[in-house]
Amino acid sequence: MNSRKILSHPIFLISLALLLLNDFYLKATFHNAWTGKLSDFAGLIVLPVFIAALLPKLASRAALISGLLFVVWKTPLVSPLIDSLNKYTPLTFQRIVDYTDYIALLVLPLTHRLICGAVNPGFFRFPRVQRFGYSVLLLVTAFAI
């Protein structure tokens, strides 16, 4: 399967929509444990698919790579990096060290199956629409991550 076609899979699209809705509305409105976990679960679907679409040679390992990055991101080891990024770039990075977030790793087998075994032809059927649609989805996903 073309790695970019996975960007039109309903599971990915719903996860991306949930991630954006959660990060830009639900967290600000409700800010509770559920909104944090929702971001973790949605993010562990969105990030591996993004990696697979952007770097097709890594598609079969995208879920594993994402899981490892997630585990490291959720530890205090990354605090100096986050502090430096916040100090020297115009971007603001935040994260909460909460080891219960590791429960979201349970979604990675589904994500791996989605990337390696998905059969959905996608919603974008015409070549020009495909190119435009997938490029837009990659940009939106990069923004969401």
C-alpha atoms as a PDB file:
ATOM      1  CA  MET A   1       0.000   0.000   0.000  1.00  0.00           C
ATOM      2  CA  ASN A   2       1.177   3.507  -0.811  1.00  0.00           C
ATOM      3  CA  SER A   3       2.246   4.962   2.525  1.00  0.00           C
ATOM      4  CA  ARG A   4       0.414   8.225   1.949  1.00  0.00           C
ATOM      5  CA  LYS A   5      -2.889   6.483   1.301  1.00  0.00           C
ATOM      6  CA  ILE A   6      -2.991   5.587   4.967  1.00  0.00           C
ATOM      7  CA  LEU A   7      -3.592   9.300   5.608  1.00  0.00           C
ATOM      8  CA  SER A   8      -7.114   8.880   4.254  1.00  0.00           C
ATOM      9  CA  HIS A   9      -7.992   5.940   6.496  1.00  0.00           C
ATOM     10  CA  PRO A  10     -10.991   6.742   8.724  1.00  0.00           C
ATOM     11  CA  ILE A  11      -9.162   5.651  11.898  1.00  0.00           C
ATOM     12  CA  PHE A  12      -6.344   8.080  11.164  1.00  0.00           C
ATOM     13  CA  LEU A  13      -8.703  10.914  10.212  1.00  0.00           C
ATOM     14  CA  ILE A  14     -10.810  10.448  13.354  1.00  0.00           C
ATOM     15  CA  SER A  15      -7.666  10.284  15.503  1.00  0.00           C
ATOM     16  CA  LEU A  16      -6.278  13.450  13.927  1.00  0.00           C
ATOM     17  CA  ALA A  17      -9.591  15.263  14.429  1.00  0.00           C
ATOM     18  CA  LEU A  18      -9.747  14.093  18.064  1.00  0.00           C
ATOM     19  CA  LEU A  19      -6.157  15.166  18.682  1.00  0.00           C
ATOM     20  CA  LEU A  20      -6.805  18.650  17.301  1.00  0.00           C
ATOM     21  CA  LEU A  21     -10.168  19.025  19.060  1.00  0.00           C
ATOM     22  CA  ASN A  22      -8.691  17.806  22.326  1.00  0.00           C
ATOM     23  CA  ASP A  23      -5.519  19.898  22.241  1.00  0.00           C
ATOM     24  CA  PHE A  24      -7.182  23.130  21.142  1.00  0.00           C
ATOM     25  CA  TYR A  25     -10.559  22.955  22.874  1.00  0.00           C
ATOM     26  CA  LEU A  26     -11.221  20.088  25.280  1.00  0.00           C
ATOM     27  CA  LYS A  27      -8.020  20.473  27.325  1.00  0.00           C
ATOM     28  CA  ALA A  28      -8.626  24.196  27.801  1.00  0.00           C
ATOM     29  CA  THR A  29     -12.278  23.650  28.662  1.00  0.00           C
ATOM     30  CA  PHE A  30     -12.111  20.561  30.870  1.00  0.00           C
ATOM     31  CA  HIS A  31      -8.402  19.985  31.641  1.00  0.00           C
ATOM     32  CA  ASN A  32      -8.650  16.630  33.371  1.00  0.00           C
ATOM     33  CA  ALA A  33      -7.153  13.144  33.220  1.00  0.00           C
ATOM     34  CA  TRP A  34      -9.433  12.136  30.356  1.00  0.00           C
ATOM     35  CA  THR A  35      -8.243  14.911  28.052  1.00  0.00           C
ATOM     36  CA  GLY A  36      -4.630  13.997  28.762  1.00  0.00           C
ATOM     37  CA  LYS A  37      -5.193  10.326  27.995  1.00  0.00           C
ATOM     38  CA  LEU A  38      -7.188  11.165  24.860  1.00  0.00           C
ATOM     39  CA  SER A  39      -4.190  13.069  23.492  1.00  0.00           C
ATOM     40  CA  ASP A  40      -1.903  10.155  24.276  1.00  0.00           C
ATOM     41  CA  PHE A  41      -4.098   7.573  22.538  1.00  0.00           C
ATOM     42  CA  ALA A  42      -4.844   9.769  19.511  1.00  0.00           C
ATOM     43  CA  GLY A  43      -1.213  10.853  19.281  1.00  0.00           C
ATOM     44  CA  LEU A  44       0.004   7.255  19.241  1.00  0.00           C
ATOM     45  CA  ILE A  45      -2.154   6.667  16.189  1.00  0.00           C
ATOM     46  CA  VAL A  46      -1.331   9.951  14.451  1.00  0.00           C
ATOM     47  CA  LEU A  47       2.454  10.027  14.986  1.00  0.00           C
ATOM     48  CA  PRO A  48       3.271   6.560  13.585  1.00  0.00           C
ATOM     49  CA  VAL A  49       1.048   7.126  10.557  1.00  0.00           C
ATOM     50  CA  PHE A  50       2.730  10.502  10.003  1.00  0.00           C
ATOM     51  CA  ILE A  51       6.170   8.869  10.203  1.00  0.00           C
ATOM     52  CA  ALA A  52       5.081   6.111   7.799  1.00  0.00           C
ATOM     53  CA  ALA A  53       3.662   8.614   5.308  1.00  0.00           C
ATOM     54  CA  LEU A  54       6.644  10.935   5.485  1.00  0.00           C
ATOM     55  CA  LEU A  55       9.345   8.237   5.616  1.00  0.00           C
ATOM     56  CA  PRO A  56       7.952   5.150   3.829  1.00  0.00           C
ATOM     57  CA  LYS A  57      11.118   3.118   4.431  1.00  0.00           C
ATOM     58  CA  LEU A  58      10.386   3.319   8.162  1.00  0.00           C
ATOM     59  CA  ALA A  59       6.710   2.382   7.808  1.00  0.00           C
ATOM     60  CA  SER A  60       7.059  -1.117   9.242  1.00  0.00           C
ATOM     61  CA  ARG A  61       8.866   0.289  12.300  1.00  0.00           C
ATOM     62  CA  ALA A  62       6.892   3.521  12.729  1.00  0.00           C
ATOM     63  CA  ALA A  63       4.794   2.225  15.638  1.00  0.00           C
ATOM     64  CA  LEU A  64       7.887   0.958  17.462  1.00  0.00           C
ATOM     65  CA  ILE A  65       9.764   4.227  16.886  1.00  0.00           C
ATOM     66  CA  SER A  66       6.759   6.219  18.092  1.00  0.00           C
ATOM     67  CA  GLY A  67       6.417   4.049  21.174  1.00  0.00           C
ATOM     68  CA  LEU A  68      10.061   4.527  22.086  1.00  0.00           C
ATOM     69  CA  LEU A  69       9.836   8.291  21.537  1.00  0.00           C
ATOM     70  CA  PHE A  70       6.673   8.397  23.663  1.00  0.00           C
ATOM     71  CA  VAL A  71       8.299   6.485  26.532  1.00  0.00           C
ATOM     72  CA  VAL A  72      11.329   8.793  26.525  1.00  0.00           C
ATOM     73  CA  TRP A  73       9.154  11.934  26.166  1.00  0.00           C
ATOM     74  CA  LYS A  74       7.199  10.944  29.277  1.00  0.00           C
ATOM     75  CA  THR A  75      10.312  10.789  31.487  1.00  0.00           C
ATOM     76  CA  PRO A  76      12.190  13.552  33.324  1.00  0.00           C
ATOM     77  CA  LEU A  77      15.225  12.813  31.113  1.00  0.00           C
ATOM     78  CA  VAL A  78      13.800  15.119  28.446  1.00  0.00           C
ATOM     79  CA  SER A  79      13.333  18.126  30.749  1.00  0.00           C
ATOM     80  CA  PRO A  80      16.685  19.780  29.864  1.00  0.00           C
ATOM     81  CA  LEU A  81      15.882  19.449  26.149  1.00  0.00           C
ATOM     82  CA  ILE A  82      12.411  20.943  26.639  1.00  0.00           C
ATOM     83  CA  ASP A  83      13.872  23.804  28.695  1.00  0.00           C
ATOM     84  CA  SER A  84      16.423  24.547  25.955  1.00  0.00           C
ATOM     85  CA  LEU A  85      13.829  24.421  23.193  1.00  0.00           C
ATOM     86  CA  ASN A  86      11.564  26.769  25.131  1.00  0.00           C
ATOM     87  CA  LYS A  87      14.444  29.153  25.778  1.00  0.00           C
ATOM     88  CA  TYR A  88      15.998  29.259  22.310  1.00  0.00           C
ATOM     89  CA  THR A  89      13.050  28.789  19.943  1.00  0.00           C
ATOM     90  CA  PRO A  90       9.805  30.713  19.532  1.00  0.00           C
ATOM     91  CA  LEU A  91       7.882  27.480  20.153  1.00  0.00           C
ATOM     92  CA  THR A  92       6.586  26.367  23.533  1.00  0.00           C
ATOM     93  CA  PHE A  93       6.870  22.703  24.437  1.00  0.00           C
ATOM     94  CA  GLN A  94       4.995  21.246  27.370  1.00  0.00           C
ATOM     95  CA  ARG A  95       4.480  17.813  28.803  1.00  0.00           C
ATOM     96  CA  ILE A  96       3.474  16.256  32.066  1.00  0.00           C
ATOM     97  CA  VAL A  97       5.447  13.330  33.435  1.00  0.00           C
ATOM     98  CA  ASP A  98       2.708  10.823  34.219  1.00  0.00           C
ATOM     99  CA  TYR A  99       3.666   7.188  33.989  1.00  0.00           C
ATOM    100  CA  THR A 100       0.007   6.161  33.772  1.00  0.00           C
ATOM    101  CA  ASP A 101       0.129   7.629  30.252  1.00  0.00           C
ATOM    102  CA  TYR A 102       1.992   4.484  29.239  1.00  0.00           C
ATOM    103  CA  ILE A 103      -1.383   2.751  29.026  1.00  0.00           C
ATOM    104  CA  ALA A 104      -1.761   4.474  25.648  1.00  0.00           C
ATOM    105  CA  LEU A 105       1.009   2.215  24.318  1.00  0.00           C
ATOM    106  CA  LEU A 106      -1.719  -0.429  24.037  1.00  0.00           C
ATOM    107  CA  VAL A 107      -2.928   1.281  20.860  1.00  0.00           C
ATOM    108  CA  LEU A 108       0.357   0.654  19.019  1.00  0.00           C
ATOM    109  CA  PRO A 109      -0.471  -2.867  17.748  1.00  0.00           C
ATOM    110  CA  LEU A 110      -3.612  -1.417  16.134  1.00  0.00           C
ATOM    111  CA  THR A 111      -1.554   1.401  14.666  1.00  0.00           C
ATOM    112  CA  HIS A 112       1.026  -1.053  13.329  1.00  0.00           C
ATOM    113  CA  ARG A 113      -1.744  -3.112  11.718  1.00  0.00           C
ATOM    114  CA  LEU A 114      -3.250   0.034  10.285  1.00  0.00           C
ATOM    115  CA  ILE A 115       0.054   1.018   8.695  1.00  0.00           C
ATOM    116  CA  CYS A 116       1.139  -2.417   7.471  1.00  0.00           C
ATOM    117  CA  GLY A 117      -2.159  -4.057   6.674  1.00  0.00           C
ATOM    118  CA  ALA A 118      -4.725  -1.395   5.901  1.00  0.00           C
ATOM    119  CA  VAL A 119      -6.819  -2.036   2.814  1.00  0.00           C
ATOM    120  CA  ASN A 120      -8.845   1.165   2.703  1.00  0.00           C
ATOM    121  CA  PRO A 121      -8.416   2.785  -0.737  1.00  0.00           C
ATOM    122  CA  GLY A 122      -8.892   6.220   0.788  1.00  0.00           C
ATOM    123  CA  PHE A 123     -11.317   9.021   0.226  1.00  0.00           C
ATOM    124  CA  PHE A 124      -9.160  10.848  -2.338  1.00  0.00           C
ATOM    125  CA  ARG A 125      -9.600   8.954  -5.600  1.00  0.00           C
ATOM    126  CA  PHE A 126      -8.421  11.417  -8.257  1.00  0.00           C
ATOM    127  CA  PRO A 127      -4.672  11.952  -8.773  1.00  0.00           C
ATOM    128  CA  ARG A 128      -4.708  15.749  -8.381  1.00  0.00           C
ATOM    129  CA  VAL A 129      -7.012  15.592  -5.390  1.00  0.00           C
ATOM    130  CA  GLN A 130      -4.841  12.834  -3.919  1.00  0.00           C
ATOM    131  CA  ARG A 131      -1.678  14.921  -4.165  1.00  0.00           C
ATOM    132  CA  PHE A 132      -3.383  18.008  -2.775  1.00  0.00           C
ATOM    133  CA  GLY A 133      -5.312  16.113  -0.117  1.00  0.00           C
ATOM    134  CA  TYR A 134      -2.359  14.135   1.187  1.00  0.00           C
ATOM    135  CA  SER A 135      -0.127  17.213   1.284  1.00  0.00           C
ATOM    136  CA  VAL A 136      -2.739  19.101   3.285  1.00  0.00           C
ATOM    137  CA  LEU A 137      -3.161  16.154   5.651  1.00  0.00           C
ATOM    138  CA  LEU A 138       0.611  15.960   6.173  1.00  0.00           C
ATOM    139  CA  LEU A 139       0.727  19.672   7.019  1.00  0.00           C
ATOM    140  CA  VAL A 140      -2.232  19.442   9.402  1.00  0.00           C
ATOM    141  CA  THR A 141      -0.688  16.384  11.042  1.00  0.00           C
ATOM    142  CA  ALA A 142       2.679  18.115  11.461  1.00  0.00           C
ATOM    143  CA  PHE A 143       0.842  21.011  13.103  1.00  0.00           C
ATOM    144  CA  ALA A 144      -1.093  18.664  15.406  1.00  0.00           C
ATOM    145  CA  ILE A 145       1.986  16.783  16.546  1.00  0.00           C
END
